[in-house]
């Protein structure tokens, strides 16, 4: 797998939804990649947070009596076999139980949906962990209701033009950026994200795509996202520029 494909599989690893061979391949990569270990740590925290949000329901008072009655009736009909003692194993939490998804579903776009959901969960968790006020932070359900997913395109009309999307919450400063079909760059250049507010451009960070032209980038904007009307990406010298020096590669309007 390429580095970008490994990054896209990390949400499934956190949820326990990878085959054993795929999980072993990712574990081998994680041993030598601090960036992917940090990303997995974020998704593990998301899984734990979601697990904690599942409410514990009280057991009905009649449940024990009904179960005992059913077991007694069944034992009366079926002879009991000697019990086989096996080593007990702690059952995984709901969010870490394996997700059985056939390979062809990924080719039809299910992987993109899983990645989007993973980004949504990560974004909600990051907003809650940031120092946002209670009014802005809200509850997880409110966050999900307010999320915006904006499609981004390049100026070219060809099929292989850059494309992607940004997932953001207008009342936060956190966003997740997914881009594809980016051209590779030499060591002296980098991609730079620009946040546009009333015509003024502010740097949103620097990033590089993988060898397959894809990039996953968490953006921490200087202001709330509702303050920006548009974003764009340009190629800049290594270390970035105070303002764009080349034509836009990809971008889109946020409002």
Protein backbone atom coordinates (compact mmCIF):
# COMPACT_ATOMS: atom_id res chain seq x y z
CA UNK A 1 0.00 0.00 0.00
CA UNK A 2 1.06 3.57 -0.62
CA UNK A 3 1.46 6.02 2.26
CA UNK A 4 -1.87 7.69 1.41
CA UNK A 5 -3.66 4.33 1.26
CA UNK A 6 -2.20 3.46 4.65
CA UNK A 7 -3.46 6.77 6.07
CA UNK A 8 -6.92 6.03 4.67
CA UNK A 9 -6.91 2.59 6.32
CA UNK A 10 -6.03 3.95 9.76
CA UNK A 11 -9.70 4.67 10.73
CA UNK A 12 -10.53 1.02 9.95
CA UNK A 13 -7.56 -0.10 12.03
CA UNK A 14 -8.82 1.95 14.98
CA UNK A 15 -12.26 0.33 14.59
CA UNK A 16 -10.82 -3.18 14.25
CA UNK A 17 -12.15 -3.57 10.71
CA UNK A 18 -9.05 -4.75 8.82
CA UNK A 19 -8.12 -8.27 7.81
CA UNK A 20 -5.25 -9.83 9.74
CA UNK A 21 -2.79 -9.47 6.84
CA UNK A 22 -3.71 -5.81 6.31
CA UNK A 23 -3.43 -5.09 10.01
CA UNK A 24 0.02 -6.69 10.09
CA UNK A 25 1.13 -4.56 7.13
CA UNK A 26 -0.07 -1.39 8.84
CA UNK A 27 1.56 -2.31 12.13
CA UNK A 28 4.86 -2.78 10.31
CA UNK A 29 4.50 0.65 8.69
CA UNK A 30 3.50 2.31 11.97
CA UNK A 31 6.69 1.10 13.62
CA UNK A 32 8.68 3.43 11.35
CA UNK A 33 6.24 6.30 10.70
CA UNK A 34 5.66 8.83 13.53
CA UNK A 35 3.07 10.75 11.46
CA UNK A 36 0.85 7.71 10.99
CA UNK A 37 1.26 6.73 14.65
CA UNK A 38 0.03 10.18 15.63
CA UNK A 39 -2.94 9.83 13.24
CA UNK A 40 -3.80 6.40 14.68
CA UNK A 41 -3.61 7.86 18.18
CA UNK A 42 -6.20 10.48 17.21
CA UNK A 43 -8.57 7.86 15.77
CA UNK A 44 -8.12 5.64 18.83
CA UNK A 45 -9.16 8.58 21.00
CA UNK A 46 -12.17 9.10 18.73
CA UNK A 47 -13.16 5.43 19.08
CA UNK A 48 -12.86 5.67 22.86
CA UNK A 49 -14.88 8.88 22.89
CA UNK A 50 -17.65 7.33 20.77
CA UNK A 51 -17.64 4.23 22.95
CA UNK A 52 -18.11 6.42 26.02
CA UNK A 53 -21.07 8.16 24.38
CA UNK A 54 -23.10 4.92 24.11
CA UNK A 55 -25.62 5.10 26.97
CA UNK A 56 -25.95 2.25 29.47
CA UNK A 57 -29.57 1.10 29.54
CA UNK A 58 -31.12 -0.43 32.68
CA UNK A 59 -31.88 -4.15 32.46
CA UNK A 60 -35.64 -4.89 32.67
CA UNK A 61 -36.59 -6.47 35.98
CA UNK A 62 -38.30 -9.43 34.26
CA UNK A 63 -35.31 -10.27 32.05
CA UNK A 64 -33.53 -12.59 34.51
CA UNK A 65 -36.72 -14.55 35.25
CA UNK A 66 -37.52 -14.99 31.54
CA UNK A 67 -33.99 -16.11 30.72
CA UNK A 68 -33.99 -18.68 33.52
CA UNK A 69 -37.36 -20.01 32.35
CA UNK A 70 -36.14 -20.33 28.75
CA UNK A 71 -32.91 -22.05 29.82
CA UNK A 72 -34.81 -24.49 32.04
CA UNK A 73 -37.19 -25.37 29.20
CA UNK A 74 -34.31 -25.82 26.75
CA UNK A 75 -32.28 -27.98 29.14
CA UNK A 76 -35.30 -30.20 29.67
CA UNK A 77 -35.43 -30.89 25.90
CA UNK A 78 -31.70 -31.04 25.05
CA UNK A 79 -29.27 -33.26 27.04
CA UNK A 80 -26.45 -31.26 28.51
CA UNK A 81 -22.95 -31.90 27.14
CA UNK A 82 -19.82 -31.60 29.26
CA UNK A 83 -18.61 -28.04 29.25
CA UNK A 84 -15.35 -27.31 27.50
CA UNK A 85 -13.25 -24.87 29.48
CA UNK A 86 -11.42 -22.40 27.27
CA UNK A 87 -9.33 -19.40 28.09
CA UNK A 88 -11.58 -16.40 28.54
CA UNK A 89 -11.06 -13.41 26.33
CA UNK A 90 -12.38 -9.93 26.92
CA UNK A 91 -14.96 -9.00 24.32
CA UNK A 92 -14.07 -5.92 22.30
CA UNK A 93 -16.11 -2.79 22.72
CA UNK A 94 -18.85 -2.09 20.21
CA UNK A 95 -16.75 0.39 18.24
CA UNK A 96 -13.81 -2.03 18.01
CA UNK A 97 -15.72 -5.07 16.81
CA UNK A 98 -14.64 -6.12 13.29
CA UNK A 99 -16.46 -4.47 10.42
CA UNK A 100 -17.02 -7.04 7.68
CA UNK A 101 -16.99 -5.23 4.35
CA UNK A 102 -16.31 -7.06 1.09
CA UNK A 103 -13.49 -5.78 -1.10
CA UNK A 104 -15.72 -4.83 -4.02
CA UNK A 105 -17.59 -2.36 -1.82
CA UNK A 106 -14.46 -0.28 -1.52
CA UNK A 107 -14.20 -0.08 -5.31
CA UNK A 108 -17.74 1.33 -5.37
CA UNK A 109 -16.90 4.11 -2.96
CA UNK A 110 -17.61 2.66 0.47
CA UNK A 111 -14.07 3.45 1.52
CA UNK A 112 -14.60 7.11 0.73
CA UNK A 113 -17.68 7.08 2.95
CA UNK A 114 -15.78 5.45 5.80
CA UNK A 115 -12.99 7.97 5.48
CA UNK A 116 -15.48 10.83 5.50
CA UNK A 117 -17.12 9.46 8.62
CA UNK A 118 -13.72 9.03 10.19
CA UNK A 119 -12.87 12.61 9.37
CA UNK A 120 -16.18 13.76 10.81
CA UNK A 121 -15.56 11.93 14.07
CA UNK A 122 -11.98 13.17 14.27
CA UNK A 123 -13.10 16.73 13.59
CA UNK A 124 -15.76 16.62 16.30
CA UNK A 125 -13.25 15.25 18.78
CA UNK A 126 -10.59 17.81 17.88
CA UNK A 127 -13.07 20.68 18.28
CA UNK A 128 -14.10 19.37 21.69
CA UNK A 129 -10.46 19.03 22.78
CA UNK A 130 -9.53 22.52 21.55
CA UNK A 131 -10.10 25.44 23.87
CA UNK A 132 -13.39 26.44 22.28
CA UNK A 133 -16.14 27.86 24.46
CA UNK A 134 -19.07 25.70 25.47
CA UNK A 135 -21.36 27.63 23.15
CA UNK A 136 -19.15 26.99 20.16
CA UNK A 137 -18.25 23.44 21.09
CA UNK A 138 -21.79 22.21 21.67
CA UNK A 139 -22.59 18.53 21.82
CA UNK A 140 -21.42 15.81 19.41
CA UNK A 141 -24.87 15.67 17.79
CA UNK A 142 -24.91 19.43 17.26
CA UNK A 143 -21.45 19.25 15.73
CA UNK A 144 -22.53 16.60 13.27
CA UNK A 145 -25.54 18.70 12.30
CA UNK A 146 -23.38 21.78 11.62
CA UNK A 147 -20.61 20.13 9.63
CA UNK A 148 -20.02 21.28 6.07
CA UNK A 149 -18.35 19.25 3.34
CA UNK A 150 -17.19 21.48 0.48
CA UNK A 151 -16.00 20.05 -2.84
CA UNK A 152 -12.76 21.45 -4.23
CA UNK A 153 -11.61 21.43 -7.86
CA UNK A 154 -8.72 22.63 -9.97
CA UNK A 155 -8.89 25.11 -12.87
CA UNK A 156 -8.14 22.43 -15.47
CA UNK A 157 -10.95 20.69 -17.37
CA UNK A 158 -9.12 17.37 -17.73
CA UNK A 159 -10.19 14.20 -15.93
CA UNK A 160 -6.96 14.05 -13.93
CA UNK A 161 -7.25 17.57 -12.53
CA UNK A 162 -6.77 18.00 -8.77
CA UNK A 163 -9.91 17.40 -6.74
CA UNK A 164 -10.97 16.80 -3.17
CA UNK A 165 -13.01 18.23 -0.32
CA UNK A 166 -12.71 19.98 3.02
CA UNK A 167 -14.79 18.98 6.05
CA UNK A 168 -15.29 21.81 8.54
CA UNK A 169 -17.51 23.16 11.31
CA UNK A 170 -18.16 26.91 10.81
CA UNK A 171 -17.95 27.74 14.53
CA UNK A 172 -14.57 26.06 15.03
CA UNK A 173 -11.03 26.52 13.75
CA UNK A 174 -10.44 22.85 12.88
CA UNK A 175 -10.95 21.28 9.44
CA UNK A 176 -9.90 18.14 7.56
CA UNK A 177 -8.64 18.50 3.98
CA UNK A 178 -8.57 15.62 1.47
CA UNK A 179 -6.93 16.19 -1.94
CA UNK A 180 -6.16 13.92 -4.90
CA UNK A 181 -4.38 14.12 -8.27
CA UNK A 182 -1.78 16.58 -7.00
CA UNK A 183 1.44 16.80 -8.99
CA UNK A 184 4.61 15.64 -7.19
CA UNK A 185 7.01 18.39 -6.12
CA UNK A 186 10.77 18.53 -5.80
CA UNK A 187 12.48 19.13 -2.46
CA UNK A 188 12.59 22.90 -3.00
CA UNK A 189 8.81 23.37 -3.28
CA UNK A 190 5.70 22.68 -1.21
CA UNK A 191 1.93 23.12 -1.42
CA UNK A 192 0.50 25.98 0.64
CA UNK A 193 -3.13 26.39 1.69
CA UNK A 194 -4.63 29.90 1.63
CA UNK A 195 -7.64 31.01 3.69
CA UNK A 196 -9.41 33.93 2.02
CA UNK A 197 -11.26 36.51 4.14
CA UNK A 198 -12.67 39.57 2.34
CA UNK A 199 -10.05 39.20 -0.38
CA UNK A 200 -7.14 38.89 2.06
CA UNK A 201 -5.16 35.64 2.06
CA UNK A 202 -3.79 34.00 5.20
CA UNK A 203 -1.63 30.88 5.20
CA UNK A 204 -3.43 27.75 6.39
CA UNK A 205 -0.33 25.57 6.41
CA UNK A 206 2.12 23.65 4.23
CA UNK A 207 1.82 20.05 3.07
CA UNK A 208 3.12 17.51 0.57
CA UNK A 209 1.17 14.76 -1.20
CA UNK A 210 2.15 11.11 -1.28
CA UNK A 211 3.62 9.47 -4.35
CA UNK A 212 0.08 8.75 -5.56
CA UNK A 213 -0.82 12.47 -5.55
CA UNK A 214 -3.09 12.33 -2.49
CA UNK A 215 -2.85 14.35 0.71
CA UNK A 216 -4.68 14.30 4.05
CA UNK A 217 -4.18 17.50 6.01
CA UNK A 218 -5.64 18.75 9.29
CA UNK A 219 -6.03 22.53 9.19
CA UNK A 220 -6.03 24.75 12.27
CA UNK A 221 -7.26 28.14 11.04
CA UNK A 222 -6.29 31.37 12.84
CA UNK A 223 -9.99 32.31 13.08
CA UNK A 224 -13.34 30.53 13.06
CA UNK A 225 -14.14 29.02 9.67
CA UNK A 226 -17.27 31.13 9.35
CA UNK A 227 -14.96 34.13 8.84
CA UNK A 228 -13.58 32.74 5.55
CA UNK A 229 -15.35 32.78 2.21
CA UNK A 230 -12.94 30.72 0.11
CA UNK A 231 -9.78 28.61 0.17
CA UNK A 232 -7.07 27.94 -2.40
CA UNK A 233 -3.85 25.97 -2.80
CA UNK A 234 -0.70 27.07 -4.64
CA UNK A 235 2.82 25.77 -5.15
CA UNK A 236 5.35 27.78 -3.13
CA UNK A 237 9.05 27.60 -2.25
CA UNK A 238 10.00 25.29 0.60
CA UNK A 239 9.08 27.02 3.86
CA UNK A 240 6.10 28.84 2.34
CA UNK A 241 5.43 32.39 1.21
CA UNK A 242 3.72 35.41 2.80
CA UNK A 243 1.35 35.43 -0.17
CA UNK A 244 0.64 33.31 -3.28
CA UNK A 245 3.37 33.49 -5.93
CA UNK A 246 1.93 30.99 -8.43
CA UNK A 247 -1.54 30.31 -9.92
CA UNK A 248 -4.06 28.36 -7.87
CA UNK A 249 -3.87 24.59 -8.17
CA UNK A 250 -7.17 23.77 -6.44
CA UNK A 251 -9.72 25.57 -4.30
CA UNK A 252 -13.36 26.37 -3.70
CA UNK A 253 -15.91 28.69 -2.11
CA UNK A 254 -16.99 27.93 1.45
CA UNK A 255 -20.26 29.89 1.50
